[in-house]
Amino acid sequence: MGRTKLCVALGAYGLDWGDYDRAGFLTVEGAQAIAANTGSNVQRDPAHGGPFFQYIDTIGRSHSVWYEDAASILLKLSLLDSLGVRRVGLWRLGNMCKEILSVVSQAVV
């Protein structure tokens, strides 16, 4: 299959991994609110640019939250463009923040 026919889906959501086997889905705003409410230090993964942080909940369980924001989506869109991939879909469209929509709408030609 040629790159002109390829469509890549990017996730626009967050995952909250706790001391258990399942992750909870978060909106971008939800992830950012948890970081703010817990005083967490949001960092960026050097490999893919995605923001992440850790926190301890009110009953003492450790959590690790990973999510996409406008900056990380822009990095992925730039990479896909450099690879000649022009068709991109967004997964969990209702969970993204306005900044992601702005980045995507400016990238679409």
Foldseek 3Di string as FASTA:
>chain_A
DDLAPDEAEDEAWKWKDWPDDGTDIGFPVRVVVVCVVQVWDWDADPVQGWIKTWGADPVGIIIIMTGHALVSVLSVLVVSVVVVRQHYHYPPVVRHDPSNVVSVVVSHD
